[in-house]
N, C-alpha and C. Protein backbone atom coordinates (compact mmCIF):
# COMPACT_ATOMS: atom_id res chain seq x y z
N MET A 1 -14.00 5.95 -5.76
CA MET A 1 -14.47 7.46 -6.47
C MET A 1 -14.07 8.62 -5.17
N SER A 2 -13.89 9.92 -5.73
CA SER A 2 -13.29 10.86 -4.86
C SER A 2 -15.06 11.41 -3.84
N ALA A 3 -13.85 11.88 -2.94
CA ALA A 3 -14.58 12.06 -1.38
C ALA A 3 -15.83 12.91 -1.99
N SER A 4 -15.76 13.69 -2.70
CA SER A 4 -16.68 14.75 -3.27
C SER A 4 -18.23 14.09 -3.58
N THR A 5 -17.38 12.97 -4.29
CA THR A 5 -18.54 12.40 -5.16
C THR A 5 -19.47 11.73 -3.76
N ILE A 6 -18.96 11.40 -2.78
CA ILE A 6 -20.10 10.02 -1.95
C ILE A 6 -21.23 11.24 -1.82
N SER A 7 -20.68 12.31 -1.81
CA SER A 7 -21.96 13.17 -1.02
C SER A 7 -22.87 13.71 -2.36
N ALA A 8 -22.31 13.32 -3.28
CA ALA A 8 -23.36 14.23 -4.85
C ALA A 8 -24.16 13.00 -4.81
N GLY A 9 -24.63 12.11 -4.48
CA GLY A 9 -25.74 11.21 -4.61
C GLY A 9 -26.11 10.13 -3.47
N ASP A 10 -26.93 9.22 -3.66
CA ASP A 10 -27.04 8.51 -2.36
C ASP A 10 -26.65 6.83 -2.99
N TRP A 11 -25.48 6.48 -2.13
CA TRP A 11 -24.57 5.16 -3.01
C TRP A 11 -25.22 4.43 -2.02
N THR A 12 -26.74 4.44 -0.99
CA THR A 12 -26.73 3.65 -0.14
C THR A 12 -27.03 1.82 -0.75
N PRO A 13 -27.74 2.22 -1.55
CA PRO A 13 -27.78 1.05 -2.76
C PRO A 13 -26.40 -0.19 -2.71
N VAL A 14 -25.46 1.06 -3.41
CA VAL A 14 -24.21 0.11 -3.52
C VAL A 14 -23.46 -0.20 -2.50
N ALA A 15 -23.54 0.56 -1.13
CA ALA A 15 -23.00 0.00 0.00
C ALA A 15 -23.83 -1.26 0.70
N ARG A 16 -25.08 -1.30 -0.03
CA ARG A 16 -25.78 -2.27 1.07
C ARG A 16 -25.58 -3.71 0.23
N ALA A 17 -24.98 -3.32 -1.15
CA ALA A 17 -24.71 -4.69 -2.02
C ALA A 17 -23.53 -5.12 -1.44
N ASP A 18 -22.70 -4.78 -0.95
CA ASP A 18 -21.40 -4.99 -0.45
C ASP A 18 -20.41 -4.63 -1.07
N TYR A 19 -20.59 -3.75 -1.89
CA TYR A 19 -19.49 -3.08 -3.09
C TYR A 19 -18.62 -2.45 -2.08
N GLY A 20 -17.25 -2.88 -1.37
CA GLY A 20 -16.35 -1.89 -0.94
C GLY A 20 -16.07 -0.41 -1.79
N LEU A 21 -15.90 0.41 -0.44
CA LEU A 21 -15.49 1.78 -1.28
C LEU A 21 -13.86 2.06 -1.47
N TRP A 22 -13.78 2.66 -2.52
CA TRP A 22 -12.04 2.97 -2.41
C TRP A 22 -12.23 4.70 -2.42
N VAL A 23 -11.56 5.36 -1.79
CA VAL A 23 -12.07 6.94 -1.93
C VAL A 23 -10.80 7.49 -2.25
N ALA A 24 -10.89 8.30 -3.08
CA ALA A 24 -9.83 9.32 -3.37
C ALA A 24 -9.67 10.90 -2.46
N CYS A 25 -8.79 10.84 -1.69
CA CYS A 25 -9.09 12.22 -1.25
C CYS A 25 -7.86 12.86 -0.44
N TYR A 26 -7.56 13.89 -0.70
CA TYR A 26 -6.13 14.34 -0.57
C TYR A 26 -5.93 15.17 0.68
N PRO A 27 -6.18 15.31 1.94
CA PRO A 27 -5.99 16.06 3.04
C PRO A 27 -4.64 16.95 2.84
N ASN A 28 -3.43 16.39 2.63
CA ASN A 28 -2.29 17.14 2.47
C ASN A 28 -2.90 18.40 1.04
N GLY A 29 -3.80 18.00 0.40
CA GLY A 29 -3.54 18.81 -0.59
C GLY A 29 -2.59 17.64 -2.06
N TYR A 30 -2.08 18.39 -3.03
CA TYR A 30 -1.32 17.53 -3.88
C TYR A 30 0.49 17.52 -3.75
N ALA A 31 0.24 17.95 -2.16
CA ALA A 31 1.79 17.50 -1.80
C ALA A 31 2.51 16.62 -1.84
N GLY A 32 3.31 16.12 -1.88
CA GLY A 32 3.98 14.82 -2.47
C GLY A 32 3.92 13.92 -0.75
N ASP A 33 3.65 12.79 -0.90
CA ASP A 33 3.74 12.09 0.26
C ASP A 33 4.59 10.78 -0.06
N ARG A 34 4.52 9.85 1.22
CA ARG A 34 5.03 8.59 0.81
C ARG A 34 3.79 7.56 1.33
N LEU A 35 4.58 5.99 0.91
CA LEU A 35 3.82 4.93 0.92
C LEU A 35 3.64 4.62 2.73
N ARG A 36 2.62 4.69 3.07
CA ARG A 36 2.38 4.80 4.58
C ARG A 36 0.57 4.27 4.56
N ASP A 37 0.69 3.74 6.25
CA ASP A 37 -0.32 3.75 6.93
C ASP A 37 -1.31 5.21 7.14
N PRO A 38 -1.78 5.71 6.03
CA PRO A 38 -2.52 6.91 6.47
C PRO A 38 -3.42 6.99 7.65
N GLY A 39 -3.85 5.90 8.56
CA GLY A 39 -5.01 5.48 9.38
C GLY A 39 -6.27 5.77 8.63
N THR A 40 -7.11 6.77 8.82
CA THR A 40 -8.45 6.53 8.42
C THR A 40 -8.69 7.60 7.48
N PRO A 41 -9.62 7.91 6.29
CA PRO A 41 -10.04 8.88 5.75
C PRO A 41 -10.38 9.69 6.74
N PRO A 42 -10.33 11.47 6.59
CA PRO A 42 -10.74 12.44 7.35
C PRO A 42 -12.08 12.75 6.88
N TYR A 43 -12.46 12.49 5.82
CA TYR A 43 -14.10 12.83 5.61
C TYR A 43 -15.03 11.74 5.58
N PRO A 44 -16.27 12.43 5.72
CA PRO A 44 -17.90 11.53 5.92
C PRO A 44 -17.68 10.92 4.80
N LEU A 45 -17.98 9.51 5.21
CA LEU A 45 -17.89 8.49 4.03
C LEU A 45 -19.29 7.89 3.30
N GLY A 46 -20.40 8.67 3.63
CA GLY A 46 -21.81 8.40 3.35
C GLY A 46 -22.36 7.09 3.67
N PRO A 47 -22.71 6.25 2.99
CA PRO A 47 -23.21 4.96 3.69
C PRO A 47 -22.29 3.92 4.37
N TRP A 48 -20.96 4.21 3.69
CA TRP A 48 -20.42 3.40 4.37
C TRP A 48 -19.55 3.10 5.50
N SER A 49 -19.54 2.33 6.39
CA SER A 49 -19.17 2.25 7.97
C SER A 49 -17.40 2.46 7.76
N PHE A 50 -16.44 1.90 6.96
CA PHE A 50 -15.49 2.58 6.78
C PHE A 50 -15.13 2.41 5.11
N ALA A 51 -13.77 2.70 4.97
CA ALA A 51 -13.07 2.38 3.25
C ALA A 51 -12.42 1.20 3.34
N ALA A 52 -12.41 0.42 2.02
CA ALA A 52 -11.63 -0.80 1.91
C ALA A 52 -10.32 -0.18 1.56
N ALA A 53 -10.23 1.09 0.78
CA ALA A 53 -8.92 1.47 0.46
C ALA A 53 -8.87 2.87 0.09
N TRP A 54 -7.94 4.04 0.39
CA TRP A 54 -7.87 5.19 0.24
C TRP A 54 -6.66 5.17 -0.48
N GLN A 55 -6.75 6.36 -1.46
CA GLN A 55 -6.02 7.07 -2.49
C GLN A 55 -5.94 8.21 -1.64
N TYR A 56 -4.68 8.43 -0.93
CA TYR A 56 -4.59 9.77 -0.18
C TYR A 56 -3.58 11.03 -0.94
N SER A 57 -3.03 10.26 -1.79
CA SER A 57 -2.14 11.17 -2.53
C SER A 57 -2.22 10.87 -3.73
N SER A 58 -1.70 12.09 -5.35
CA SER A 58 -1.52 11.81 -6.00
C SER A 58 -0.25 12.02 -6.60
N SER A 59 0.94 12.28 -5.86
CA SER A 59 1.70 13.10 -6.26
C SER A 59 2.86 12.06 -5.21
N GLY A 60 2.56 10.74 -4.83
CA GLY A 60 3.28 10.18 -3.41
C GLY A 60 4.75 9.94 -4.44
N SER A 61 5.49 9.24 -3.18
CA SER A 61 6.76 8.43 -3.60
C SER A 61 6.93 6.98 -2.93
N VAL A 62 7.17 5.98 -3.76
CA VAL A 62 6.98 4.61 -3.33
C VAL A 62 8.62 4.00 -3.72
N PRO A 63 9.76 3.57 -2.47
CA PRO A 63 10.68 3.31 -2.49
C PRO A 63 10.89 2.12 -3.70
N SER A 64 11.84 2.58 -5.22
CA SER A 64 11.80 1.48 -5.88
C SER A 64 10.92 1.17 -7.32
N ILE A 65 10.16 2.21 -6.80
CA ILE A 65 8.94 2.39 -8.03
C ILE A 65 8.80 3.43 -8.78
N GLY A 66 8.46 5.17 -7.79
CA GLY A 66 8.95 6.40 -8.33
C GLY A 66 8.55 7.35 -7.89
N GLU A 67 8.22 8.67 -8.21
CA GLU A 67 8.01 9.72 -7.28
C GLU A 67 6.89 10.26 -8.27
N ARG A 68 6.00 11.02 -7.70
CA ARG A 68 4.91 11.45 -8.20
C ARG A 68 3.69 10.69 -8.66
N ILE A 69 3.59 9.65 -7.93
CA ILE A 69 2.68 8.52 -8.70
C ILE A 69 1.72 8.81 -7.41
N ASP A 70 0.39 7.64 -7.82
CA ASP A 70 -0.75 7.52 -6.38
C ASP A 70 -0.62 7.00 -5.72
N VAL A 71 -0.64 6.95 -4.36
CA VAL A 71 -0.14 6.05 -3.34
C VAL A 71 -1.76 6.02 -2.52
N ASP A 72 -2.22 4.47 -2.53
CA ASP A 72 -2.99 3.96 -1.95
C ASP A 72 -3.05 3.21 -0.68
N TRP A 73 -3.63 3.12 0.06
CA TRP A 73 -3.34 2.10 1.50
C TRP A 73 -5.01 1.38 1.29
N PHE A 74 -4.61 -0.04 1.18
CA PHE A 74 -5.90 -0.80 1.12
C PHE A 74 -5.80 -1.38 2.72
N TYR A 75 -7.26 -1.45 3.05
CA TYR A 75 -7.45 -1.67 4.60
C TYR A 75 -7.23 -3.14 5.10
N GLY A 76 -7.20 -4.37 4.11
CA GLY A 76 -7.92 -5.79 4.32
C GLY A 76 -6.32 -6.41 3.86
N ASP A 77 -6.65 -8.06 4.14
CA ASP A 77 -5.29 -8.85 3.89
C ASP A 77 -5.67 -9.24 2.51
N VAL A 78 -4.57 -10.08 2.00
CA VAL A 78 -5.07 -10.71 0.76
C VAL A 78 -6.16 -11.15 0.49
N VAL A 79 -6.55 -12.14 1.46
CA VAL A 79 -7.66 -12.77 1.15
C VAL A 79 -8.91 -11.80 0.39
N ALA A 80 -8.85 -11.04 1.67
CA ALA A 80 -9.86 -9.98 1.10
C ALA A 80 -9.21 -9.12 -0.44
N TRP A 81 -8.05 -8.70 -0.61
CA TRP A 81 -8.10 -8.55 -1.85
C TRP A 81 -8.30 -9.53 -3.26
N SER A 82 -7.84 -10.59 -2.56
CA SER A 82 -8.41 -11.43 -3.84
C SER A 82 -9.91 -11.61 -4.34
N LYS A 83 -10.69 -11.17 -3.19
CA LYS A 83 -12.08 -11.13 -3.30
C LYS A 83 -12.84 -10.23 -3.85
N TYR A 84 -12.36 -8.95 -3.45
CA TYR A 84 -12.26 -7.59 -4.73
C TYR A 84 -12.51 -8.06 -5.61
N ALA A 85 -10.62 -8.60 -6.30
CA ALA A 85 -10.50 -8.91 -7.38
C ALA A 85 -11.07 -10.10 -7.96
N ASN A 86 -12.00 -10.68 -7.29
CA ASN A 86 -12.44 -12.15 -8.13
C ASN A 86 -11.74 -12.79 -8.42
N ALA A 87 -10.54 -13.32 -7.69
CA ALA A 87 -9.30 -14.10 -8.66
C ALA A 87 -9.31 -14.97 -7.25
N PRO A 88 -9.03 -16.32 -7.89
CA PRO A 88 -8.53 -17.02 -6.49
C PRO A 88 -7.08 -16.73 -6.28
N LEU A 89 -6.64 -16.86 -5.06
CA LEU A 89 -5.39 -16.67 -4.67
C LEU A 89 -4.33 -17.19 -5.14
N SER A 90 -4.39 -18.46 -5.78
CA SER A 90 -3.37 -18.53 -6.66
C SER A 90 -3.61 -18.25 -7.98
N ALA A 91 -4.13 -17.41 -8.42
CA ALA A 91 -4.43 -17.22 -9.74
C ALA A 91 -3.37 -16.06 -10.01
N ALA A 92 -2.44 -16.76 -11.03
CA ALA A 92 -1.58 -15.86 -11.39
C ALA A 92 -1.34 -16.24 -12.97
N PRO A 93 -1.58 -15.16 -13.81
CA PRO A 93 -1.58 -15.91 -15.39
C PRO A 93 -0.67 -16.55 -15.76
N ALA A 94 -0.75 -17.80 -16.51
CA ALA A 94 0.35 -18.60 -17.17
C ALA A 94 0.81 -17.88 -18.37
N PRO A 95 2.18 -17.95 -18.33
CA PRO A 95 2.73 -17.59 -19.90
C PRO A 95 2.04 -18.15 -21.02
N GLU A 96 1.94 -17.85 -22.48
CA GLU A 96 1.10 -18.36 -23.46
C GLU A 96 2.39 -18.88 -23.91
N PRO A 97 2.05 -19.90 -24.48
CA PRO A 97 3.42 -20.98 -25.23
C PRO A 97 3.64 -20.38 -26.40
N GLY A 98 5.26 -19.97 -26.22
CA GLY A 98 6.06 -19.50 -27.31
C GLY A 98 6.72 -18.22 -26.50
N ASN A 99 5.77 -17.55 -25.27
CA ASN A 99 6.46 -16.35 -24.97
C ASN A 99 6.84 -16.55 -23.09
N PRO A 100 8.22 -15.95 -23.02
CA PRO A 100 8.54 -16.44 -21.85
C PRO A 100 7.83 -15.49 -20.77
N ALA A 101 7.61 -16.11 -19.53
CA ALA A 101 7.20 -15.40 -18.69
C ALA A 101 7.85 -14.11 -18.35
N PRO A 102 7.66 -12.92 -18.20
CA PRO A 102 8.09 -11.54 -17.97
C PRO A 102 9.20 -11.28 -16.56
N ALA A 103 10.16 -11.21 -16.65
CA ALA A 103 11.02 -11.09 -15.81
C ALA A 103 10.77 -10.14 -14.12
N PRO A 104 10.94 -10.77 -13.21
CA PRO A 104 10.24 -10.09 -12.13
C PRO A 104 10.72 -8.71 -12.29
N VAL A 105 9.76 -7.63 -11.41
CA VAL A 105 10.54 -6.33 -10.95
C VAL A 105 11.47 -6.56 -9.94
N GLN A 106 12.63 -5.87 -9.77
CA GLN A 106 13.98 -5.85 -8.80
C GLN A 106 13.49 -4.60 -7.81
N SER A 107 13.09 -5.25 -6.74
CA SER A 107 12.64 -4.14 -5.82
C SER A 107 13.67 -4.17 -5.11
N THR A 108 14.61 -4.72 -4.62
CA THR A 108 15.23 -4.41 -3.46
C THR A 108 16.19 -3.13 -3.61
N PRO A 109 16.18 -2.43 -2.27
CA PRO A 109 16.57 -1.21 -2.07
C PRO A 109 18.00 -1.01 -1.98
N GLN A 110 18.60 -0.11 -2.50
CA GLN A 110 20.19 0.10 -2.49
C GLN A 110 20.43 1.24 -1.03
N GLY A 111 21.72 0.72 -0.85
CA GLY A 111 21.81 1.84 0.16
C GLY A 111 22.10 1.29 1.70
N ARG A 112 22.75 2.23 2.57
CA ARG A 112 23.06 1.26 4.13
C ARG A 112 21.78 0.89 4.52
N ALA A 113 21.89 -0.48 5.21
CA ALA A 113 20.61 -1.17 6.19
C ALA A 113 20.06 -0.22 7.19
N GLY A 114 20.68 0.31 7.81
CA GLY A 114 20.25 1.08 8.86
C GLY A 114 19.74 2.74 8.48
N GLN A 115 20.09 2.89 7.14
CA GLN A 115 19.10 4.07 6.34
C GLN A 115 17.84 3.55 6.05
N ILE A 116 17.63 2.31 5.37
CA ILE A 116 16.70 1.93 5.26
C ILE A 116 16.14 1.41 6.34
N ALA A 117 16.42 0.91 7.44
CA ALA A 117 15.49 0.23 8.90
C ALA A 117 14.90 1.71 9.35
N SER A 118 15.45 2.81 9.38
CA SER A 118 14.88 4.31 9.73
C SER A 118 13.71 4.32 8.33
N ALA A 119 13.50 4.40 7.50
CA ALA A 119 12.77 4.53 6.29
C ALA A 119 11.53 3.51 6.79
N VAL A 120 11.82 2.37 7.06
CA VAL A 120 10.97 1.35 7.31
C VAL A 120 10.10 1.82 8.61
N ILE A 121 10.73 2.17 9.60
CA ILE A 121 10.05 2.80 11.16
C ILE A 121 9.24 3.68 10.65
N ARG A 122 9.80 4.87 9.70
CA ARG A 122 8.53 5.67 9.23
C ARG A 122 7.31 5.48 8.61
N GLY A 123 7.45 4.46 8.40
CA GLY A 123 6.64 3.71 7.42
C GLY A 123 6.77 3.93 6.14
N GLU A 124 7.66 3.81 5.65
CA GLU A 124 7.62 4.26 4.02
C GLU A 124 7.98 3.15 3.39
N TYR A 125 7.75 1.96 4.15
CA TYR A 125 7.62 0.53 3.35
C TYR A 125 6.53 -0.48 3.47
N GLY A 126 5.58 0.47 4.09
CA GLY A 126 3.86 -0.23 4.55
C GLY A 126 4.15 -1.34 5.36
N ASN A 127 3.16 -2.19 5.37
CA ASN A 127 3.58 -3.24 6.13
C ASN A 127 3.72 -4.80 5.31
N ASP A 128 3.83 -5.74 6.03
CA ASP A 128 3.49 -7.16 5.28
C ASP A 128 2.54 -7.19 4.75
N PRO A 129 2.20 -7.92 3.43
CA PRO A 129 3.19 -9.06 2.97
C PRO A 129 3.92 -7.89 1.78
N GLN A 130 3.38 -6.19 1.95
CA GLN A 130 3.98 -5.41 1.00
C GLN A 130 5.49 -4.61 1.31
N ARG A 131 6.01 -5.15 2.73
CA ARG A 131 7.12 -4.65 2.66
C ARG A 131 8.05 -5.46 2.84
N ARG A 132 7.55 -7.03 2.86
CA ARG A 132 8.72 -7.95 2.21
C ARG A 132 8.77 -7.59 1.13
N ALA A 133 8.27 -7.21 -0.25
CA ALA A 133 8.18 -7.37 -1.22
C ALA A 133 9.10 -6.00 -2.18
N LEU A 134 8.90 -5.07 -1.10
CA LEU A 134 9.47 -3.74 -1.49
C LEU A 134 10.97 -4.20 -0.93
N LEU A 135 11.41 -4.84 0.31
CA LEU A 135 12.97 -5.15 0.66
C LEU A 135 13.37 -5.96 -0.29
N GLY A 136 12.73 -6.89 -0.65
CA GLY A 136 13.26 -8.08 -1.54
C GLY A 136 14.08 -8.96 -0.39
N GLY A 137 15.35 -9.34 -1.19
CA GLY A 137 16.34 -10.06 -0.26
C GLY A 137 16.96 -9.47 0.83
N ARG A 138 16.69 -8.13 0.92
CA ARG A 138 17.25 -7.41 2.12
C ARG A 138 16.50 -7.53 3.82
N TYR A 139 15.44 -8.15 3.45
CA TYR A 139 14.38 -8.38 4.25
C TYR A 139 14.73 -8.12 5.65
N ASP A 140 15.16 -9.39 5.48
CA ASP A 140 15.60 -10.08 6.76
C ASP A 140 17.00 -9.40 7.42
N GLU A 141 17.74 -8.79 6.77
CA GLU A 141 19.04 -7.47 7.32
C GLU A 141 18.44 -6.31 7.71
N VAL A 142 17.26 -5.95 7.28
CA VAL A 142 16.81 -4.50 7.41
C VAL A 142 15.87 -4.94 8.63
N MET A 143 14.99 -6.02 8.69
CA MET A 143 14.14 -5.97 10.27
C MET A 143 14.93 -6.41 10.91
N GLY A 144 15.91 -6.91 10.78
CA GLY A 144 16.90 -7.43 11.93
C GLY A 144 17.23 -6.21 12.94
N ILE A 145 17.58 -5.03 12.04
CA ILE A 145 17.75 -3.67 12.79
C ILE A 145 16.71 -2.80 12.83
N VAL A 146 15.46 -3.06 12.22
CA VAL A 146 14.46 -2.38 13.04
C VAL A 146 14.04 -2.71 14.04
N ASN A 147 13.97 -4.11 14.28
CA ASN A 147 13.40 -4.84 15.50
C ASN A 147 14.38 -4.53 16.43
N GLN A 148 15.97 -4.58 15.88
CA GLN A 148 16.53 -4.29 17.36
C GLN A 148 16.61 -2.37 18.26
N GLN A 149 16.32 -1.92 16.87
CA GLN A 149 16.03 -0.18 17.27
C GLN A 149 14.78 -0.19 17.76
N LEU A 150 13.59 -0.92 17.56
CA LEU A 150 12.31 -0.66 18.23
C LEU A 150 12.19 -1.25 19.46
N SER A 151 13.31 -2.29 19.86
CA SER A 151 13.67 -2.78 21.34
C SER A 151 14.26 -1.81 22.46
N GLY A 152 14.79 -1.28 21.65
CA GLY A 152 15.23 -0.08 22.67
C GLY A 152 17.04 -0.48 22.62
N GLY A 153 17.46 -1.56 21.40
CA GLY A 153 19.06 -1.56 21.36
C GLY A 153 19.75 -0.92 20.49
N ALA A 154 21.04 -0.78 20.20
CA ALA A 154 21.70 -0.10 19.32
C ALA A 154 22.14 -1.29 18.18
N ALA A 155 21.96 -0.57 17.04
CA ALA A 155 21.94 -1.13 15.72
C ALA A 155 22.90 -0.67 14.61
N SER A 156 23.27 -1.35 14.08
CA SER A 156 24.40 -0.72 13.30
C SER A 156 24.23 -1.14 11.64
N GLY A 157 24.51 -0.32 10.32
CA GLY A 157 24.07 -0.55 9.38
C GLY A 157 24.22 0.26 8.86
């Protein structure tokens, strides 16, 4: 829900029923933003003690996905997400007979590994497992440079 909707009513029964809060609020207005860990929402969350997810921009960008899209941050892990989605962890829809499975989305970024590593350090590729999915086949290469740079070593790429 929109952050302004939280104060518009009494959501205590919803929060007490253990429904997580996915809040949309844009502290930077509608300015473009990038996929990153935005911290915690800077708005009162009413009866919820925390937000399960936060949509912090509706005009953000995600490498290999696009520009001017909603960017959201989920504060849980894959187990928590599967509980919210009411789906077992292994629940992948099987293709119907006669219909081939869709081709996987190509998400491997192009460009110099050092530039991609800098984007990772700035938070533009999120955290694992999201980062692993976005980097695809370049994950090990880029993360090697990231780890080298963060440990104070020089890295090329």
